Amino acid sequence: MITREGIQLPTIVVVGDQSSGKSSVLESLAGINLPRGQGICTRVPLIMRLQHKSIPQPELFLEFNGKVVKTDEEHVSEAINLATDEIAGLGKGISNTPLTLEVRKNGVPDLTMVDLPGITRVPVHGQPDNIYDQIREIIMEYITPEESIILNVLSATVDFTTCESIRMSQMVDKTGERTLAVVTKSDKAPEGLLEKVTADDVNIGLGYWGCLFWHRRLVQIQATSIARNLPAIVKSINDKLNLNVAELRRMPKKMSSLSEAMTAFMQIIGLAKESLRKILVRGEFDEYPDEQNMHCTARLVEMLNHYSVELHRNAEGNPANNFLMEEIMVLEEAKVWNYVEDVVISVIMQHSDNYYQLQLSFRRAGHNLIAKMKERSVNWVMEIVEMEKLTDYTCNPEYLSEWNKLMAQQDSFMKDVLTNEERPSMVKLEGFGDIEVEKLRQYSHVLQQAFDMKMRMTAYWKIVFKRLVDCMALHLLLCVGNLVNKEFEIEIVNELMGPGGGIERMLEESPSVAAKRQKINKSIQLLKKSKEVVAKIMDKIGTFSD
């Protein structure tokens, strides 16, 4: 149905109180027997599509839960009951899942109608306490759209102004311009019926009709409504058709040769490389505006800053000779390469989403690539550490500047330790905090030289810290650049072009892509057919107008 494509068509919605005679009205229209019984007979929305066809035997089909069941006039009532039980369950509960009955028969009018559950306020045994609210919600959903034509089935035996279906209609159609009424059981209450109808206290804009004379009028009303809404309907159909055609063109081409597969494969690599170049090298995040984890340059800066902080913290807390070896562990724990691996895999998976059969190979190639890069990085860090352990050397002028700054505290420190009459046990030293000095007094003869050595080591370690952080940052930039510009494509190609890589599997379309392609093609065919149907309906408008 075209409505499944989100296009609203003028639909005749049949509403009425329970036992108002809705079934009789629809039976007279379709010439078939519908379920009868006590209480609610219609427990789900019944979409009845009537189609005039000059055929010797009527054709009846039920559509529900994704399947089509053929039936006939003799068994249609039983088939509807069975389908209703499958949709709404056994008992007397209701469901908003529709059941479609298609009737192709000689002499029936070309109409589509929706029969809704009859309105009841008092639940009977087996019905939920909120049965009225459930029914009201279903009815309001169907009668609210402006395209809906509301057909109220009214029993002649009741006061029209108290009918619940009329009250609901007035809520969505205050002027009554899309509301009509069919009066049933007129033989049971003939007196005063004419006065009730002519007074029209409930504002039925499209008029009152008896069961014997309303068929032709109903077809005319639907045709007129379609004509009035035709521009919007045609526009909706064309817009949806264009969207589906465009989406079909955007889908990956179904490949029939290895050369086509190679072209698509290289396109995936090219797109993935460009995405990685943006987020890892250039710091452009337009492809992932709301995904903070994919703003890679910012995240890498955060990791380097954290590394710098940890480096200083560990040095201050662990002045032992094995200090640098512990910092290697800090580097490993920073998990910079684990983060880069997550990013690379995420980008590869995104760009190969339409080729699920290759994603395992793409993922394996990504893991192998990062493992190699990580190993090189660790080896490089080990070399840097060995160089720092080999000798103490720097030509950085900041070393002397820092040493002089620290040595400026020497005189006051020596005074507090050696000559201060108060002989404090703790002395505050900028950059070191409170220093316990009681034990230092017994080494007064070497205290000055020891202070100088400590300040030289401290100044030198600050240079080393900065050097390590700077080297790490530059090394990461170099490695990430090589990863994107050199290593990435080589690793992916070697993985998928090598033995067992399976690039030929790109010729196999994934089930999800195949299903999506089938769905879009089906939608396109339905929309094209709908355009033809609309044109045929327009041809009939003139006939009914005459």
Protein backbone atom coordinates (compact mmCIF):
# COMPACT_ATOMS: atom_id res chain seq x y z
CA MET A 1 0.00 0.00 0.00
CA ILE A 2 1.09 3.51 -0.77
CA THR A 3 0.43 4.56 2.82
CA ARG A 4 3.31 2.30 3.87
CA GLU A 5 5.55 4.76 2.06
CA GLY A 6 4.39 7.54 4.37
CA ILE A 7 2.00 9.08 1.83
CA GLN A 8 -1.44 9.96 3.18
CA LEU A 9 -4.34 9.24 0.81
CA PRO A 10 -8.01 10.13 1.27
CA THR A 11 -9.30 7.19 3.30
CA ILE A 12 -12.85 6.43 4.41
CA VAL A 13 -12.72 5.62 8.11
CA VAL A 14 -15.79 3.85 9.50
CA VAL A 15 -16.55 4.64 13.15
CA GLY A 16 -19.52 3.98 15.36
CA ASP A 17 -20.66 2.81 18.74
CA GLN A 18 -20.71 -0.90 19.47
CA SER A 19 -23.73 -2.60 17.83
CA SER A 20 -24.49 0.47 15.73
CA GLY A 21 -24.65 -1.66 12.57
CA LYS A 22 -21.19 -1.08 11.09
CA SER A 23 -20.89 -4.68 9.93
CA SER A 24 -24.22 -4.51 8.07
CA VAL A 25 -23.13 -1.35 6.27
CA LEU A 26 -19.85 -2.87 5.13
CA GLU A 27 -21.48 -6.16 4.16
CA SER A 28 -23.95 -4.35 1.93
CA LEU A 29 -21.07 -2.56 0.28
CA ALA A 30 -18.82 -5.57 -0.34
CA GLY A 31 -21.47 -8.26 -0.69
CA ILE A 32 -19.73 -10.57 1.78
CA ASN A 33 -20.34 -11.76 5.33
CA LEU A 34 -18.21 -10.26 8.09
CA PRO A 35 -17.75 -11.64 11.62
CA ARG A 36 -20.81 -11.24 13.87
CA GLY A 37 -21.39 -11.90 17.53
CA GLN A 38 -21.81 -10.33 20.94
CA GLY A 39 -19.47 -7.56 22.08
CA ILE A 40 -16.64 -6.25 19.92
CA CYS A 41 -16.50 -8.09 16.61
CA THR A 42 -13.86 -5.86 15.02
CA ARG A 43 -10.82 -6.10 17.31
CA VAL A 44 -8.23 -4.73 14.89
CA PRO A 45 -8.37 -2.05 12.17
CA LEU A 46 -9.81 -3.83 9.12
CA ILE A 47 -8.64 -2.18 5.91
CA MET A 48 -11.10 -3.24 3.21
CA ARG A 49 -9.93 -2.64 -0.36
CA LEU A 50 -12.75 -3.14 -2.85
CA GLN A 51 -11.86 -3.46 -6.52
CA HIS A 52 -14.33 -3.85 -9.36
CA LYS A 53 -13.21 -6.61 -11.72
CA SER A 54 -15.16 -8.39 -14.42
CA ILE A 55 -14.21 -11.90 -13.34
CA PRO A 56 -16.42 -15.00 -12.99
CA GLN A 57 -15.42 -15.75 -9.39
CA PRO A 58 -14.59 -13.21 -6.66
CA GLU A 59 -11.01 -13.12 -5.40
CA LEU A 60 -10.45 -12.45 -1.70
CA PHE A 61 -7.10 -12.07 0.09
CA LEU A 62 -6.14 -11.30 3.67
CA GLU A 63 -2.84 -9.54 4.39
CA PHE A 64 -1.40 -9.47 7.92
CA ASN A 65 1.88 -9.98 9.72
CA GLY A 66 3.79 -9.94 6.44
CA LYS A 67 1.85 -12.76 4.78
CA VAL A 68 -1.01 -13.12 2.30
CA VAL A 69 -3.81 -15.67 2.83
CA LYS A 70 -6.27 -16.50 0.08
CA THR A 71 -9.89 -17.09 1.06
CA ASP A 72 -13.39 -17.02 -0.48
CA GLU A 73 -16.82 -15.57 0.26
CA GLU A 74 -17.94 -18.65 2.16
CA HIS A 75 -14.98 -18.72 4.53
CA VAL A 76 -13.97 -15.05 4.72
CA SER A 77 -15.65 -14.49 8.09
CA GLU A 78 -13.83 -17.43 9.64
CA ALA A 79 -10.54 -16.36 8.03
CA ILE A 80 -10.90 -12.84 9.48
CA ASN A 81 -11.51 -14.31 12.94
CA LEU A 82 -8.42 -16.52 12.70
CA ALA A 83 -6.27 -13.63 11.50
CA THR A 84 -7.64 -11.39 14.26
CA ASP A 85 -6.77 -14.01 16.88
CA GLU A 86 -3.24 -14.20 15.51
CA ILE A 87 -2.84 -10.41 15.62
CA ALA A 88 -4.69 -9.51 18.83
CA GLY A 89 -4.57 -12.84 20.64
CA LEU A 90 -7.39 -15.05 21.79
CA GLY A 91 -10.10 -13.42 23.84
CA LYS A 92 -11.64 -9.98 23.55
CA GLY A 93 -8.61 -7.69 23.57
CA ILE A 94 -7.86 -5.31 20.70
CA SER A 95 -4.75 -4.36 18.71
CA ASN A 96 -3.72 -1.43 16.52
CA THR A 97 -1.99 -3.74 14.02
CA PRO A 98 -4.11 -3.60 10.85
CA LEU A 99 -5.61 -6.49 8.91
CA THR A 100 -6.16 -5.91 5.18
CA LEU A 101 -8.98 -7.56 3.23
CA GLU A 102 -8.74 -7.20 -0.53
CA VAL A 103 -11.92 -8.00 -2.47
CA ARG A 104 -11.81 -8.23 -6.27
CA LYS A 105 -15.34 -8.72 -7.47
CA ASN A 106 -17.67 -7.79 -10.26
CA GLY A 107 -20.00 -4.93 -9.31
CA VAL A 108 -18.32 -3.63 -6.15
CA PRO A 109 -17.32 0.04 -6.03
CA ASP A 110 -13.63 0.95 -6.15
CA LEU A 111 -13.19 2.00 -2.53
CA THR A 112 -10.77 1.64 0.34
CA MET A 113 -12.32 1.74 3.80
CA VAL A 114 -11.04 1.22 7.33
CA ASP A 115 -13.40 -0.42 9.81
CA LEU A 116 -12.40 0.31 13.40
CA PRO A 117 -13.46 -1.37 16.67
CA GLY A 118 -16.86 -0.25 17.92
CA ILE A 119 -16.83 2.21 20.81
CA THR A 120 -17.67 0.82 24.23
CA ARG A 121 -17.22 2.38 27.65
CA VAL A 122 -17.86 -0.63 29.87
CA PRO A 123 -15.35 -3.51 29.62
CA VAL A 124 -16.78 -7.01 29.65
CA HIS A 125 -15.12 -10.14 30.97
CA GLY A 126 -11.80 -10.69 29.18
CA GLN A 127 -11.32 -7.03 28.22
CA PRO A 128 -8.83 -4.66 29.87
CA ASP A 129 -10.17 -1.94 32.15
CA ASN A 130 -8.94 0.75 29.76
CA ILE A 131 -10.68 -0.71 26.69
CA TYR A 132 -12.38 2.62 25.97
CA ASP A 133 -9.07 4.49 26.01
CA GLN A 134 -7.48 1.92 23.70
CA ILE A 135 -10.33 2.15 21.18
CA ARG A 136 -10.39 5.94 21.37
CA GLU A 137 -6.63 6.11 20.70
CA ILE A 138 -6.97 3.92 17.59
CA ILE A 139 -9.93 5.92 16.26
CA MET A 140 -8.22 9.28 16.81
CA GLU A 141 -5.11 8.07 15.01
CA TYR A 142 -7.14 7.21 11.89
CA ILE A 143 -9.57 10.16 11.79
CA THR A 144 -7.12 12.97 12.66
CA PRO A 145 -5.31 13.26 9.26
CA GLU A 146 -6.92 15.89 7.04
CA GLU A 147 -7.10 13.34 4.23
CA SER A 148 -9.43 11.05 6.20
CA ILE A 149 -13.14 10.97 5.38
CA ILE A 150 -15.06 10.12 8.56
CA LEU A 151 -18.04 7.83 8.05
CA ASN A 152 -20.19 7.75 11.18
CA VAL A 153 -22.55 4.79 11.43
CA LEU A 154 -25.49 5.97 13.57
CA SER A 155 -28.37 3.88 14.83
CA ALA A 156 -31.73 5.59 14.31
CA THR A 157 -32.71 4.47 17.80
CA VAL A 158 -30.23 6.76 19.63
CA ASP A 159 -29.85 10.48 20.16
CA PHE A 160 -27.22 11.58 17.64
CA THR A 161 -25.92 14.32 19.96
CA THR A 162 -24.88 11.74 22.57
CA CYS A 163 -23.04 9.40 20.18
CA GLU A 164 -19.41 9.01 21.16
CA SER A 165 -18.29 8.65 17.53
CA ILE A 166 -19.86 12.03 16.71
CA ARG A 167 -18.03 13.66 19.61
CA MET A 168 -14.71 12.26 18.41
CA SER A 169 -15.40 13.41 14.85
CA GLN A 170 -16.16 16.94 16.02
CA MET A 171 -12.83 17.09 17.85
CA VAL A 172 -10.86 16.72 14.59
CA ASP A 173 -13.41 18.08 12.07
CA LYS A 174 -15.21 20.98 13.72
CA THR A 175 -16.82 22.20 10.48
CA GLY A 176 -17.97 18.73 9.43
CA GLU A 177 -16.59 19.20 5.91
CA ARG A 178 -15.13 15.69 5.84
CA THR A 179 -17.78 13.92 7.92
CA LEU A 180 -20.82 11.99 6.67
CA ALA A 181 -23.27 9.67 8.37
CA VAL A 182 -25.10 6.50 7.45
CA VAL A 183 -28.25 5.90 9.49
CA THR A 184 -29.02 2.26 10.28
CA LYS A 185 -32.04 0.53 11.86
CA SER A 186 -34.38 3.23 10.55
CA ASP A 187 -37.22 0.70 10.52
CA LYS A 188 -37.02 0.44 14.33
CA ALA A 189 -37.40 4.16 14.99
CA PRO A 190 -39.11 5.81 12.00
CA GLU A 191 -40.85 8.49 14.03
CA GLY A 192 -38.91 11.73 14.35
CA LEU A 193 -36.02 10.47 12.24
CA LEU A 194 -36.63 13.03 9.50
CA GLU A 195 -36.60 15.85 12.04
CA LYS A 196 -33.31 14.61 13.58
CA VAL A 197 -31.64 14.42 10.19
CA THR A 198 -32.88 17.75 8.85
CA ALA A 199 -32.05 19.57 12.11
CA ASP A 200 -28.44 18.39 11.84
CA ASP A 201 -27.58 19.34 15.41
CA VAL A 202 -24.25 17.51 15.14
CA ASN A 203 -23.03 19.27 11.97
CA ILE A 204 -22.63 16.44 9.44
CA GLY A 205 -21.21 18.42 6.51
CA LEU A 206 -21.38 15.66 3.89
CA GLY A 207 -24.95 14.69 4.75
CA TYR A 208 -26.96 11.74 6.07
CA TRP A 209 -27.56 8.63 4.00
CA GLY A 210 -29.58 5.47 4.26
CA CYS A 211 -28.07 2.05 3.63
CA LEU A 212 -29.77 1.69 0.26
CA PHE A 213 -28.56 4.89 -1.39
CA TRP A 214 -25.11 5.73 -0.10
CA HIS A 215 -22.75 3.60 -2.25
CA ARG A 216 -22.57 5.91 -5.26
CA ARG A 217 -22.34 8.98 -3.06
CA LEU A 218 -19.44 7.45 -1.11
CA VAL A 219 -17.44 6.80 -4.27
CA GLN A 220 -18.09 10.36 -5.41
CA ILE A 221 -16.98 11.79 -2.05
CA GLN A 222 -13.76 9.80 -2.14
CA ALA A 223 -13.08 10.81 -5.73
CA THR A 224 -13.75 14.47 -4.93
CA SER A 225 -11.45 14.29 -1.91
CA ILE A 226 -8.71 12.75 -4.03
CA ALA A 227 -9.17 15.47 -6.63
CA ARG A 228 -8.93 18.16 -3.95
CA ASN A 229 -5.80 16.60 -2.48
CA LEU A 230 -4.36 15.55 -5.82
CA PRO A 231 -1.56 18.17 -6.02
CA ALA A 232 -0.28 17.23 -2.56
CA ILE A 233 -0.61 13.50 -3.31
CA VAL A 234 1.25 13.77 -6.61
CA LYS A 235 3.98 15.86 -4.96
CA SER A 236 4.36 13.37 -2.12
CA ILE A 237 4.58 10.45 -4.54
CA ASN A 238 7.14 12.22 -6.73
CA ASP A 239 9.22 13.36 -3.75
CA LYS A 240 9.29 9.87 -2.27
CA LEU A 241 10.05 8.35 -5.67
CA ASN A 242 12.96 10.74 -6.22
CA LEU A 243 14.35 10.01 -2.75
CA ASN A 244 14.22 6.27 -3.34
CA VAL A 245 15.84 6.54 -6.77
CA ALA A 246 18.60 8.73 -5.31
CA GLU A 247 19.15 6.28 -2.44
CA LEU A 248 19.33 3.38 -4.87
CA ARG A 249 22.00 5.22 -6.86
CA ARG A 250 24.00 5.86 -3.68
CA MET A 251 24.05 2.18 -2.80
CA PRO A 252 27.17 0.21 -3.76
CA LYS A 253 26.97 -1.08 -7.27
CA LYS A 254 26.34 -4.79 -7.53
CA MET A 255 29.62 -6.05 -8.96
CA SER A 256 29.93 -8.69 -11.64
CA SER A 257 33.69 -8.77 -12.29
CA LEU A 258 36.97 -8.74 -10.37
CA SER A 259 37.95 -5.43 -11.96
CA GLU A 260 34.80 -3.80 -10.57
CA ALA A 261 35.60 -5.29 -7.17
CA MET A 262 39.13 -3.87 -7.33
CA THR A 263 37.77 -0.43 -8.20
CA ALA A 264 35.39 -0.51 -5.24
CA PHE A 265 38.16 -1.84 -2.98
CA MET A 266 40.54 0.99 -3.88
CA GLN A 267 37.73 3.48 -3.38
CA ILE A 268 37.21 2.18 0.17
CA ILE A 269 40.93 2.58 0.89
CA GLY A 270 40.95 6.09 -0.57
CA LEU A 271 37.95 7.22 1.48
CA ALA A 272 39.32 5.65 4.67
CA LYS A 273 42.73 7.28 4.15
CA GLU A 274 41.15 10.69 3.65
CA SER A 275 39.06 10.28 6.81
CA LEU A 276 42.14 9.27 8.82
CA ARG A 277 44.14 12.12 7.32
CA LYS A 278 41.45 14.55 8.44
CA ILE A 279 41.10 13.38 12.02
CA LEU A 280 44.66 12.23 12.78
CA VAL A 281 46.77 14.72 10.82
CA ARG A 282 44.83 17.84 9.90
CA GLY A 283 42.54 17.99 12.92
CA GLU A 284 39.34 18.29 10.86
CA PHE A 285 36.27 16.76 12.47
CA ASP A 286 33.48 17.53 9.99
CA GLU A 287 32.80 13.81 9.47
CA TYR A 288 32.38 13.26 13.22
CA PRO A 289 31.10 16.57 14.62
CA ASP A 290 29.42 15.05 17.68
CA GLU A 291 31.80 12.15 18.39
CA GLN A 292 34.38 13.55 20.80
CA ASN A 293 36.37 10.33 20.76
CA MET A 294 37.02 10.81 17.04
CA HIS A 295 38.50 14.31 17.52
CA CYS A 296 41.89 12.63 17.46
CA THR A 297 44.38 15.50 17.54
CA ALA A 298 42.67 16.91 20.62
CA ARG A 299 42.62 13.51 22.33
CA LEU A 300 46.31 12.91 21.53
CA VAL A 301 47.24 16.28 23.03
CA GLU A 302 45.33 15.32 26.18
CA MET A 303 47.26 12.05 26.39
CA LEU A 304 50.62 13.80 25.96
CA ASN A 305 49.73 16.34 28.63
CA HIS A 306 48.76 13.51 30.95
CA TYR A 307 52.07 11.79 30.16
CA SER A 308 53.98 14.95 31.05
CA VAL A 309 52.16 15.29 34.37
CA GLU A 310 52.77 11.64 35.23
CA LEU A 311 56.43 11.96 34.27
CA HIS A 312 57.00 14.80 36.74
CA ARG A 313 54.90 13.14 39.44
CA ASN A 314 56.83 9.87 39.24
CA ALA A 315 60.18 11.69 39.24
CA GLU A 316 59.30 13.65 42.37
CA GLY A 317 58.02 10.57 44.17
CA ASN A 318 60.73 8.13 43.00
CA PRO A 319 64.18 9.72 42.95
CA ALA A 320 65.86 6.31 42.84
CA ASN A 321 68.12 5.26 39.99
CA ASN A 322 65.45 3.12 38.30
CA PHE A 323 63.24 6.18 37.76
CA LEU A 324 63.44 6.12 33.95
CA MET A 325 62.57 2.43 33.73
CA GLU A 326 59.34 3.08 35.58
CA GLU A 327 58.52 5.85 33.12
CA ILE A 328 58.58 3.28 30.33
CA MET A 329 55.65 1.64 32.07
CA VAL A 330 53.88 5.01 32.16
CA LEU A 331 54.35 5.30 28.41
CA GLU A 332 52.92 1.82 27.88
CA GLU A 333 49.99 2.51 30.14
CA ALA A 334 49.16 5.73 28.32
CA LYS A 335 47.68 3.46 25.63
CA VAL A 336 48.16 6.01 22.90
CA TRP A 337 48.44 3.30 20.31
CA ASN A 338 45.42 1.46 21.66
CA TYR A 339 43.42 4.63 21.10
CA VAL A 340 44.82 5.05 17.58
CA GLU A 341 43.93 1.42 16.88
CA ASP A 342 40.31 1.98 17.94
CA VAL A 343 40.08 5.01 15.66
CA VAL A 344 41.61 3.24 12.65
CA ILE A 345 39.36 0.17 13.04
CA SER A 346 36.28 2.38 13.45
CA VAL A 347 37.04 4.29 10.24
CA ILE A 348 37.76 1.11 8.27
CA MET A 349 34.54 -0.53 9.45
CA GLN A 350 32.51 2.55 8.56
CA HIS A 351 33.78 2.75 4.99
CA SER A 352 33.48 -1.00 4.40
CA ASP A 353 30.02 -1.24 5.94
CA ASN A 354 28.45 -2.38 2.66
CA TYR A 355 30.94 -5.24 2.29
CA TYR A 356 30.46 -7.27 5.44
CA GLN A 357 32.21 -10.26 3.83
CA LEU A 358 35.49 -8.31 3.83
CA GLN A 359 35.21 -6.63 7.21
CA LEU A 360 37.00 -9.45 9.04
CA SER A 361 39.99 -9.04 6.71
CA PHE A 362 39.87 -5.25 7.07
CA ARG A 363 39.79 -5.54 10.85
CA ARG A 364 42.67 -8.03 10.88
CA ALA A 365 44.74 -5.73 8.67
CA GLY A 366 44.06 -2.82 11.02
CA HIS A 367 45.12 -4.83 14.07
CA ASN A 368 48.32 -6.02 12.35
CA LEU A 369 49.21 -2.51 11.23
CA ILE A 370 48.84 -0.98 14.69
CA ALA A 371 50.72 -3.89 16.29
CA LYS A 372 53.71 -3.17 14.03
CA MET A 373 53.55 0.56 14.69
CA LYS A 374 53.26 -0.02 18.44
CA GLU A 375 56.29 -2.34 18.46
CA ARG A 376 58.38 0.23 16.61
CA SER A 377 57.28 2.94 19.01
CA VAL A 378 58.22 0.88 22.08
CA ASN A 379 61.63 0.10 20.58
CA TRP A 380 62.15 3.78 19.91
CA VAL A 381 61.24 4.66 23.50
CA MET A 382 63.74 2.08 24.76
CA GLU A 383 66.47 3.68 22.64
CA ILE A 384 65.63 7.13 24.00
CA VAL A 385 65.79 5.78 27.55
CA GLU A 386 69.16 4.12 26.88
CA MET A 387 70.51 7.38 25.46
CA GLU A 388 69.43 9.28 28.55
CA LYS A 389 71.03 6.67 30.79
CA LEU A 390 74.29 6.70 28.83
CA THR A 391 75.38 10.18 29.88
CA ASP A 392 74.18 13.47 31.30
CA TYR A 393 74.30 15.96 28.48
CA THR A 394 72.43 19.03 27.33
CA CYS A 395 73.26 22.24 25.52
CA ASN A 396 69.89 23.74 26.38
CA PRO A 397 70.40 27.24 27.87
CA GLU A 398 67.42 26.62 30.12
CA TYR A 399 69.61 24.27 32.15
CA LEU A 400 71.84 27.09 33.44
CA SER A 401 68.86 29.36 33.91
CA GLU A 402 67.06 26.75 36.02
CA TRP A 403 70.25 25.90 37.97
CA ASN A 404 70.90 29.56 38.81
CA LYS A 405 67.29 29.95 39.94
CA LEU A 406 67.61 26.97 42.26
CA MET A 407 71.06 28.01 43.55
CA ALA A 408 69.66 31.40 44.53
CA GLN A 409 68.14 29.64 47.55
CA GLN A 410 71.47 28.21 48.74
CA ASP A 411 72.50 30.98 51.15
CA SER A 412 69.18 31.11 52.97
CA PHE A 413 69.03 27.29 53.10
CA MET A 414 72.56 27.00 54.51
CA LYS A 415 71.79 29.68 57.08
CA ASP A 416 68.62 27.90 58.26
CA VAL A 417 70.48 24.60 58.53
CA LEU A 418 73.78 25.72 60.09
CA THR A 419 73.51 29.11 61.82
CA ASN A 420 69.86 29.68 62.67
CA GLU A 421 69.64 29.83 66.46
CA GLU A 422 66.15 28.30 66.41
CA ARG A 423 67.58 25.18 64.70
CA PRO A 424 64.36 24.28 62.82
CA SER A 425 63.87 20.61 61.97
CA MET A 426 62.07 21.43 58.67
CA VAL A 427 63.10 24.04 56.10
CA LYS A 428 60.88 25.08 53.19
CA LEU A 429 62.63 25.02 49.81
CA GLU A 430 60.86 26.29 46.69
CA GLY A 431 60.26 23.49 44.25
CA PHE A 432 60.83 20.82 46.90
CA GLY A 433 58.47 21.69 49.72
CA ASP A 434 59.40 21.06 53.36
CA ILE A 435 62.82 19.42 53.78
CA GLU A 436 63.86 17.52 56.92
CA VAL A 437 67.29 19.00 57.80
CA GLU A 438 68.15 17.58 61.24
CA LYS A 439 70.36 14.83 59.79
CA LEU A 440 72.05 17.24 57.39
CA ARG A 441 73.71 19.21 60.20
CA GLN A 442 76.23 16.44 60.85
CA TYR A 443 77.49 16.79 57.25
CA SER A 444 78.10 20.53 57.35
CA HIS A 445 81.52 20.20 55.70
CA VAL A 446 80.02 18.83 52.44
CA LEU A 447 76.57 20.39 52.64
CA GLN A 448 77.32 23.16 50.14
CA GLN A 449 78.69 20.76 47.53
CA ALA A 450 75.72 18.39 48.07
CA PHE A 451 73.24 21.25 47.59
CA ASP A 452 74.96 22.27 44.35
CA MET A 453 74.88 18.66 43.06
CA LYS A 454 71.18 18.29 43.91
CA MET A 455 70.29 21.50 42.10
CA ARG A 456 72.32 20.49 39.05
CA MET A 457 70.52 17.12 38.91
CA THR A 458 67.12 18.76 39.40
CA ALA A 459 67.77 21.32 36.65
CA TYR A 460 69.01 18.57 34.36
CA TRP A 461 65.99 16.30 34.98
CA LYS A 462 63.65 19.11 34.06
CA ILE A 463 65.43 19.36 30.73
CA VAL A 464 65.17 15.57 30.36
CA PHE A 465 61.43 15.66 31.11
CA LYS A 466 60.79 18.27 28.45
CA ARG A 467 63.02 16.43 26.02
CA LEU A 468 61.12 13.17 26.52
CA VAL A 469 57.73 14.80 26.11
CA ASP A 470 58.83 16.75 23.03
CA CYS A 471 60.40 13.67 21.48
CA MET A 472 57.31 11.62 22.22
CA ALA A 473 55.06 14.23 20.62
CA LEU A 474 57.23 14.53 17.51
CA HIS A 475 57.56 10.76 17.26
CA LEU A 476 53.78 10.32 17.45
CA LEU A 477 53.25 12.91 14.73
CA LEU A 478 55.78 11.14 12.53
CA CYS A 479 54.32 7.69 13.16
CA VAL A 480 50.72 8.82 12.63
CA GLY A 481 51.72 10.57 9.41
CA ASN A 482 53.50 7.45 8.16
CA LEU A 483 50.54 5.31 9.19
CA VAL A 484 48.09 7.35 7.14
CA ASN A 485 50.26 8.20 4.14
CA LYS A 486 52.32 5.02 3.73
CA GLU A 487 51.66 2.05 5.98
CA PHE A 488 47.84 1.95 5.90
CA GLU A 489 47.33 1.26 2.21
CA ILE A 490 50.22 -1.20 2.01
CA GLU A 491 48.96 -3.27 4.94
CA ILE A 492 45.34 -3.36 3.71
CA VAL A 493 46.33 -4.31 0.16
CA ASN A 494 48.73 -7.03 1.36
CA GLU A 495 46.06 -8.49 3.63
CA LEU A 496 43.25 -8.61 1.09
CA MET A 497 45.28 -9.32 -2.03
CA GLY A 498 47.31 -12.07 -0.37
CA PRO A 499 46.36 -15.75 -0.10
CA GLY A 500 42.97 -16.14 1.54
CA GLY A 501 42.37 -12.39 1.52
CA GLY A 502 39.20 -12.92 -0.41
CA ILE A 503 38.77 -9.74 -2.42
CA GLU A 504 36.75 -11.87 -4.83
CA ARG A 505 34.13 -12.10 -2.08
CA MET A 506 33.18 -8.52 -2.91
CA LEU A 507 31.26 -10.04 -5.80
CA GLU A 508 28.90 -11.49 -3.19
CA GLU A 509 26.37 -8.93 -1.96
CA SER A 510 25.74 -8.94 1.78
CA PRO A 511 22.24 -10.03 2.92
CA SER A 512 21.53 -6.64 4.50
CA VAL A 513 22.49 -4.73 1.34
CA ALA A 514 20.55 -7.16 -0.85
CA ALA A 515 17.47 -6.80 1.36
CA LYS A 516 17.76 -3.02 1.32
CA ARG A 517 18.14 -2.97 -2.47
CA GLN A 518 15.09 -5.23 -2.82
CA LYS A 519 13.06 -3.03 -0.47
CA ILE A 520 13.95 0.15 -2.37
CA ASN A 521 13.19 -1.43 -5.74
CA LYS A 522 9.85 -2.67 -4.41
CA SER A 523 9.07 0.79 -3.10
CA ILE A 524 9.95 2.38 -6.45
CA GLN A 525 7.68 -0.04 -8.30
CA LEU A 526 4.84 0.65 -5.84
CA LEU A 527 5.24 4.42 -6.21
CA LYS A 528 5.25 4.18 -10.01
CA LYS A 529 2.13 2.03 -9.91
CA SER A 530 0.52 4.54 -7.54
CA LYS A 531 1.05 7.32 -10.05
CA GLU A 532 -0.82 5.25 -12.61
CA VAL A 533 -3.65 4.53 -10.15
CA VAL A 534 -4.03 8.22 -9.33
CA ALA A 535 -4.31 8.97 -13.03
CA LYS A 536 -7.05 6.34 -13.46
CA ILE A 537 -8.99 7.71 -10.48
CA MET A 538 -8.88 11.16 -12.02
CA ASP A 539 -10.42 9.74 -15.19
CA LYS A 540 -13.39 8.53 -13.13
CA ILE A 541 -13.96 11.84 -11.36
CA GLY A 542 -15.62 13.34 -14.42
CA THR A 543 -17.90 10.30 -14.75
CA PHE A 544 -19.23 10.56 -11.20
CA SER A 545 -19.53 14.34 -11.48
CA ASP A 546 -21.79 13.90 -14.49
